[in-house]
């Protein structure tokens, strides 16, 4: 019987298109210690690198591209993380990870990302 992977979310689950990834135009790097409350790739962060909740939805600014759930990263072997900071980019809004957020907050956060050129569409 074949085995089906049931591991954590991957970058390809939520990132569907990014302008010229090799150039780094859409990306930024920060210290892993700056990011709080988010460990899964696809987590939406505010300008303080905190997981977006309803109160900070209008300040949605980044999407975490690095998966920080592995044991190596937990042991501090990865000191920097990669962030999607601007577009043009297209993401699957159903796969983005938020903190405690209501429907209105999610809409506000997605609008803030759209202003940065990161367009969120349903499914793919």
N, C-alpha and C. Protein backbone atom coordinates (compact mmCIF):
# COMPACT_ATOMS: atom_id res chain seq x y z
N UNK A 1 0.84 -1.18 0.00
CA UNK A 1 0.00 0.00 0.00
C UNK A 1 0.89 1.24 0.00
N UNK A 2 0.60 2.22 -0.85
CA UNK A 2 1.42 3.44 -0.90
C UNK A 2 1.26 4.28 0.37
N UNK A 3 2.30 5.03 0.67
CA UNK A 3 2.29 5.92 1.82
C UNK A 3 1.98 7.33 1.34
N UNK A 4 1.09 8.00 2.04
CA UNK A 4 0.72 9.38 1.70
C UNK A 4 1.38 10.31 2.70
N UNK A 5 2.06 11.33 2.20
CA UNK A 5 2.73 12.29 3.09
C UNK A 5 1.71 13.07 3.90
N UNK A 6 1.96 13.17 5.17
CA UNK A 6 1.07 13.93 6.05
C UNK A 6 1.88 14.92 6.88
N UNK A 7 2.92 15.48 6.29
CA UNK A 7 3.79 16.39 7.02
C UNK A 7 3.21 17.80 7.07
N UNK A 8 3.99 18.75 7.53
CA UNK A 8 3.52 20.12 7.70
C UNK A 8 3.32 20.82 6.36
N UNK A 9 2.73 21.98 6.43
CA UNK A 9 2.48 22.79 5.23
C UNK A 9 3.79 23.15 4.55
N UNK A 10 3.77 23.16 3.24
CA UNK A 10 4.94 23.53 2.44
C UNK A 10 4.70 24.86 1.74
N UNK A 11 5.78 25.46 1.29
CA UNK A 11 5.72 26.73 0.57
C UNK A 11 4.78 26.64 -0.62
N UNK A 12 4.83 25.52 -1.34
CA UNK A 12 4.00 25.37 -2.53
C UNK A 12 2.51 25.23 -2.21
N UNK A 13 2.16 25.01 -0.95
CA UNK A 13 0.75 24.95 -0.57
C UNK A 13 0.07 26.31 -0.70
N UNK A 14 0.80 27.37 -0.36
CA UNK A 14 0.17 28.69 -0.34
C UNK A 14 0.74 29.66 -1.38
N UNK A 15 1.99 29.55 -1.76
CA UNK A 15 2.59 30.47 -2.74
C UNK A 15 2.37 29.91 -4.14
N UNK A 16 1.62 30.62 -4.95
CA UNK A 16 1.29 30.13 -6.29
C UNK A 16 2.05 30.85 -7.40
N UNK A 17 2.44 32.09 -7.18
CA UNK A 17 3.25 32.81 -8.16
C UNK A 17 3.99 33.92 -7.45
N UNK A 18 5.24 34.10 -7.86
CA UNK A 18 6.07 35.16 -7.32
C UNK A 18 6.91 35.70 -8.46
N UNK A 19 7.00 37.01 -8.56
CA UNK A 19 7.78 37.61 -9.63
C UNK A 19 9.26 37.33 -9.42
N UNK A 20 9.86 36.66 -10.39
CA UNK A 20 11.30 36.41 -10.45
C UNK A 20 11.92 36.07 -9.09
N UNK A 21 11.59 34.89 -8.55
CA UNK A 21 12.09 34.51 -7.22
C UNK A 21 13.62 34.59 -7.07
N UNK A 22 14.35 34.32 -8.13
CA UNK A 22 15.80 34.32 -8.04
C UNK A 22 16.38 35.72 -7.83
N UNK A 23 15.62 36.75 -8.13
CA UNK A 23 16.12 38.11 -7.97
C UNK A 23 15.91 38.65 -6.56
N UNK A 24 14.99 38.07 -5.81
CA UNK A 24 14.73 38.53 -4.45
C UNK A 24 13.92 39.80 -4.38
N UNK A 25 13.31 40.22 -5.46
CA UNK A 25 12.54 41.46 -5.50
C UNK A 25 11.40 41.45 -4.49
N UNK A 26 10.76 40.33 -4.32
CA UNK A 26 9.57 40.25 -3.46
C UNK A 26 9.89 39.83 -2.03
N UNK A 27 11.14 39.54 -1.74
CA UNK A 27 11.50 38.94 -0.45
C UNK A 27 12.33 39.85 0.44
N UNK A 28 12.26 39.56 1.74
CA UNK A 28 13.12 40.20 2.74
C UNK A 28 13.59 39.13 3.70
N UNK A 29 14.66 39.42 4.40
CA UNK A 29 15.23 38.50 5.39
C UNK A 29 15.24 39.20 6.74
N UNK A 30 14.91 38.47 7.80
CA UNK A 30 15.01 39.00 9.16
C UNK A 30 15.54 37.91 10.07
N UNK A 31 15.93 38.30 11.27
CA UNK A 31 16.39 37.32 12.25
C UNK A 31 15.23 36.47 12.72
N UNK A 32 15.47 35.20 12.89
CA UNK A 32 14.43 34.29 13.36
C UNK A 32 13.93 34.71 14.74
N UNK A 33 14.79 35.30 15.53
CA UNK A 33 14.40 35.73 16.88
C UNK A 33 13.40 36.89 16.85
N UNK A 34 13.29 37.59 15.72
CA UNK A 34 12.31 38.68 15.59
C UNK A 34 10.89 38.16 15.43
N UNK A 35 10.76 36.97 14.86
CA UNK A 35 9.44 36.41 14.56
C UNK A 35 8.89 35.73 15.80
N UNK A 36 7.71 36.19 16.24
CA UNK A 36 7.09 35.60 17.42
C UNK A 36 5.70 35.09 17.09
N UNK A 37 5.37 33.96 17.65
CA UNK A 37 4.02 33.42 17.49
C UNK A 37 3.76 32.70 16.18
N UNK A 38 4.75 32.60 15.31
CA UNK A 38 4.55 31.95 14.01
C UNK A 38 5.68 30.97 13.77
N UNK A 39 5.33 29.76 13.36
CA UNK A 39 6.36 28.77 13.05
C UNK A 39 6.12 28.08 11.71
N UNK A 40 4.94 28.22 11.16
CA UNK A 40 4.56 27.51 9.94
C UNK A 40 4.69 28.43 8.74
N UNK A 41 5.24 27.90 7.65
CA UNK A 41 5.29 28.69 6.43
C UNK A 41 3.88 29.06 6.01
N UNK A 42 3.70 30.29 5.55
CA UNK A 42 2.37 30.78 5.20
C UNK A 42 1.73 31.60 6.31
N UNK A 43 2.43 31.79 7.43
CA UNK A 43 1.91 32.60 8.53
C UNK A 43 1.97 34.08 8.14
N UNK A 44 0.87 34.78 8.36
CA UNK A 44 0.78 36.21 8.03
C UNK A 44 1.25 37.00 9.24
N UNK A 45 2.22 37.91 9.02
CA UNK A 45 2.83 38.67 10.10
C UNK A 45 2.57 40.16 9.94
N UNK A 46 2.57 40.89 11.06
CA UNK A 46 2.43 42.34 11.01
C UNK A 46 3.82 42.98 10.96
N UNK A 47 3.89 44.30 11.06
CA UNK A 47 5.18 45.00 10.93
C UNK A 47 6.12 44.72 12.11
N UNK A 48 5.60 44.17 13.21
CA UNK A 48 6.44 43.78 14.35
C UNK A 48 6.84 42.31 14.28
N UNK A 49 6.55 41.65 13.17
CA UNK A 49 6.83 40.23 12.94
C UNK A 49 6.04 39.32 13.88
N UNK A 50 4.89 39.78 14.35
CA UNK A 50 3.98 38.97 15.17
C UNK A 50 2.91 38.39 14.28
N UNK A 51 2.38 37.24 14.66
CA UNK A 51 1.28 36.61 13.94
C UNK A 51 0.08 37.55 13.95
N UNK A 52 -0.52 37.78 12.79
CA UNK A 52 -1.64 38.73 12.67
C UNK A 52 -2.88 38.19 13.38
N UNK A 53 -3.47 39.05 14.20
CA UNK A 53 -4.74 38.77 14.85
C UNK A 53 -5.70 39.88 14.43
N UNK A 54 -6.95 39.81 14.85
CA UNK A 54 -7.95 40.80 14.43
C UNK A 54 -7.47 42.23 14.69
N UNK A 55 -6.87 42.48 15.85
CA UNK A 55 -6.45 43.83 16.22
C UNK A 55 -5.34 44.38 15.33
N UNK A 56 -4.54 43.52 14.73
CA UNK A 56 -3.43 43.98 13.89
C UNK A 56 -3.64 43.68 12.41
N UNK A 57 -4.86 43.36 12.03
CA UNK A 57 -5.14 42.93 10.65
C UNK A 57 -4.77 43.99 9.63
N UNK A 58 -5.00 45.27 9.93
CA UNK A 58 -4.69 46.34 8.98
C UNK A 58 -3.19 46.51 8.80
N UNK A 59 -2.41 45.93 9.69
CA UNK A 59 -0.95 46.05 9.66
C UNK A 59 -0.28 44.81 9.05
N UNK A 60 -1.05 43.95 8.39
CA UNK A 60 -0.47 42.75 7.77
C UNK A 60 0.57 43.18 6.74
N UNK A 61 1.79 42.66 6.89
CA UNK A 61 2.88 43.16 6.06
C UNK A 61 3.74 42.08 5.44
N UNK A 62 3.82 40.91 6.06
CA UNK A 62 4.71 39.85 5.60
C UNK A 62 4.01 38.50 5.64
N UNK A 63 4.54 37.56 4.86
CA UNK A 63 4.13 36.16 4.97
C UNK A 63 5.41 35.36 5.15
N UNK A 64 5.44 34.53 6.18
CA UNK A 64 6.62 33.73 6.50
C UNK A 64 6.83 32.66 5.44
N UNK A 65 8.02 32.64 4.85
CA UNK A 65 8.35 31.66 3.82
C UNK A 65 9.17 30.50 4.37
N UNK A 66 9.74 30.65 5.55
CA UNK A 66 10.57 29.63 6.17
C UNK A 66 9.72 28.82 7.14
N UNK A 67 9.84 27.51 7.07
CA UNK A 67 9.15 26.64 8.02
C UNK A 67 10.03 26.51 9.26
N UNK A 68 9.55 27.01 10.39
CA UNK A 68 10.34 27.02 11.62
C UNK A 68 9.94 25.90 12.57
N UNK A 69 9.28 24.88 12.07
CA UNK A 69 8.81 23.80 12.96
C UNK A 69 9.79 22.65 13.10
N UNK A 70 10.81 22.59 12.27
CA UNK A 70 11.73 21.45 12.33
C UNK A 70 12.61 21.51 13.57
N UNK A 71 13.12 20.38 13.97
CA UNK A 71 13.97 20.29 15.16
C UNK A 71 15.24 21.12 14.99
N UNK A 72 15.80 21.15 13.78
CA UNK A 72 17.03 21.92 13.54
C UNK A 72 16.79 23.40 13.77
N UNK A 73 15.65 23.90 13.29
CA UNK A 73 15.37 25.30 13.48
C UNK A 73 15.04 25.60 14.94
N UNK A 74 14.38 24.68 15.59
CA UNK A 74 14.07 24.85 17.01
C UNK A 74 15.35 24.87 17.84
N UNK A 75 16.38 24.17 17.38
CA UNK A 75 17.66 24.13 18.08
C UNK A 75 18.51 25.37 17.79
N UNK A 76 18.00 26.29 16.98
CA UNK A 76 18.70 27.54 16.71
C UNK A 76 19.71 27.47 15.60
N UNK A 77 19.65 26.45 14.75
CA UNK A 77 20.61 26.35 13.66
C UNK A 77 20.31 27.33 12.54
N UNK A 78 19.08 27.79 12.45
CA UNK A 78 18.71 28.76 11.43
C UNK A 78 18.48 30.10 12.12
N UNK A 79 19.34 31.06 11.87
CA UNK A 79 19.26 32.34 12.56
C UNK A 79 18.44 33.37 11.80
N UNK A 80 18.21 33.13 10.50
CA UNK A 80 17.46 34.07 9.69
C UNK A 80 16.28 33.37 9.02
N UNK A 81 15.24 34.14 8.74
CA UNK A 81 14.07 33.60 8.06
C UNK A 81 13.77 34.46 6.84
N UNK A 82 13.10 33.86 5.88
CA UNK A 82 12.74 34.51 4.63
C UNK A 82 11.27 34.92 4.69
N UNK A 83 10.98 36.12 4.22
CA UNK A 83 9.62 36.67 4.24
C UNK A 83 9.20 37.12 2.85
N UNK A 84 7.95 36.87 2.50
CA UNK A 84 7.36 37.47 1.31
C UNK A 84 6.88 38.85 1.75
N UNK A 85 7.46 39.91 1.18
CA UNK A 85 7.20 41.26 1.67
C UNK A 85 6.46 42.15 0.67
N UNK A 86 6.46 41.78 -0.60
CA UNK A 86 5.81 42.63 -1.60
C UNK A 86 5.54 41.80 -2.84
N UNK A 87 4.74 42.32 -3.70
CA UNK A 87 4.42 41.64 -4.94
C UNK A 87 5.26 42.15 -6.08
N UNK A 88 4.95 41.73 -7.25
CA UNK A 88 3.77 40.93 -7.56
C UNK A 88 3.91 39.47 -7.13
N UNK A 89 2.86 39.02 -6.46
CA UNK A 89 2.80 37.63 -6.01
C UNK A 89 1.33 37.23 -5.89
N UNK A 90 1.09 35.93 -6.00
CA UNK A 90 -0.26 35.39 -5.84
C UNK A 90 -0.19 34.25 -4.83
N UNK A 91 -1.10 34.28 -3.85
CA UNK A 91 -1.13 33.27 -2.81
C UNK A 91 -2.52 32.66 -2.69
N UNK A 92 -2.57 31.47 -2.11
CA UNK A 92 -3.84 30.79 -1.85
C UNK A 92 -4.32 31.23 -0.47
N UNK A 93 -5.37 32.04 -0.41
CA UNK A 93 -5.81 32.59 0.87
C UNK A 93 -6.35 31.52 1.81
N UNK A 94 -6.75 30.39 1.29
CA UNK A 94 -7.26 29.30 2.14
C UNK A 94 -6.14 28.60 2.91
N UNK A 95 -4.90 28.78 2.48
CA UNK A 95 -3.77 28.11 3.12
C UNK A 95 -2.93 29.05 3.99
N UNK A 96 -3.27 30.34 4.03
CA UNK A 96 -2.54 31.27 4.89
C UNK A 96 -2.90 31.01 6.35
N UNK A 97 -1.95 31.27 7.24
CA UNK A 97 -2.12 31.01 8.66
C UNK A 97 -2.19 32.34 9.41
N UNK A 98 -3.25 32.52 10.17
CA UNK A 98 -3.45 33.72 10.98
C UNK A 98 -3.51 33.32 12.45
N UNK A 99 -3.42 34.32 13.32
CA UNK A 99 -3.67 34.09 14.74
C UNK A 99 -5.17 34.07 14.96
N UNK A 100 -5.61 34.47 16.13
CA UNK A 100 -7.04 34.54 16.43
C UNK A 100 -7.63 35.70 15.64
N UNK A 101 -8.43 35.37 14.64
CA UNK A 101 -8.92 36.40 13.73
C UNK A 101 -10.34 36.06 13.29
N UNK A 102 -11.16 37.10 13.15
CA UNK A 102 -12.52 36.89 12.66
C UNK A 102 -12.56 37.16 11.16
N UNK A 103 -13.71 36.95 10.55
CA UNK A 103 -13.84 37.10 9.09
C UNK A 103 -13.51 38.52 8.63
N UNK A 104 -13.96 39.51 9.40
CA UNK A 104 -13.67 40.90 9.04
C UNK A 104 -12.19 41.21 9.13
N UNK A 105 -11.53 40.67 10.15
CA UNK A 105 -10.09 40.87 10.29
C UNK A 105 -9.31 40.22 9.17
N UNK A 106 -9.77 39.05 8.76
CA UNK A 106 -9.11 38.35 7.65
C UNK A 106 -9.24 39.15 6.36
N UNK A 107 -10.42 39.70 6.12
CA UNK A 107 -10.64 40.54 4.93
C UNK A 107 -9.74 41.77 4.97
N UNK A 108 -9.62 42.38 6.14
CA UNK A 108 -8.76 43.56 6.31
C UNK A 108 -7.30 43.20 6.06
N UNK A 109 -6.85 42.07 6.59
CA UNK A 109 -5.46 41.63 6.41
C UNK A 109 -5.16 41.34 4.94
N UNK A 110 -6.10 40.68 4.26
CA UNK A 110 -5.89 40.38 2.84
C UNK A 110 -5.86 41.65 2.00
N UNK A 111 -6.65 42.66 2.40
CA UNK A 111 -6.62 43.95 1.70
C UNK A 111 -5.28 44.66 1.92
N UNK A 112 -4.73 44.54 3.12
CA UNK A 112 -3.42 45.14 3.40
C UNK A 112 -2.33 44.47 2.57
N UNK A 113 -2.41 43.16 2.43
CA UNK A 113 -1.44 42.44 1.59
C UNK A 113 -1.61 42.82 0.12
N UNK A 114 -2.86 42.99 -0.31
CA UNK A 114 -3.12 43.37 -1.70
C UNK A 114 -2.51 44.73 -2.02
N UNK A 115 -2.54 45.63 -1.04
CA UNK A 115 -1.92 46.95 -1.24
C UNK A 115 -0.42 46.84 -1.46
N UNK A 116 0.17 45.74 -0.98
CA UNK A 116 1.60 45.49 -1.19
C UNK A 116 1.88 44.71 -2.47
N UNK A 117 0.82 44.37 -3.19
CA UNK A 117 0.96 43.63 -4.44
C UNK A 117 0.88 42.12 -4.26
N UNK A 118 0.48 41.67 -3.08
CA UNK A 118 0.32 40.24 -2.81
C UNK A 118 -1.16 39.92 -2.92
N UNK A 119 -1.56 39.27 -4.00
CA UNK A 119 -2.96 38.98 -4.26
C UNK A 119 -3.32 37.59 -3.74
N UNK A 120 -4.41 37.54 -2.98
CA UNK A 120 -4.86 36.27 -2.39
C UNK A 120 -6.12 35.81 -3.10
N UNK A 121 -6.07 34.61 -3.65
CA UNK A 121 -7.22 34.01 -4.32
C UNK A 121 -7.58 32.71 -3.61
N UNK A 122 -8.81 32.28 -3.79
CA UNK A 122 -9.27 31.04 -3.17
C UNK A 122 -8.87 29.84 -4.01
N UNK A 123 -8.38 28.83 -3.32
CA UNK A 123 -8.07 27.55 -3.97
C UNK A 123 -7.16 27.64 -5.18
N UNK A 124 -6.66 26.52 -5.61
CA UNK A 124 -5.86 26.43 -6.84
C UNK A 124 -5.77 25.00 -7.25
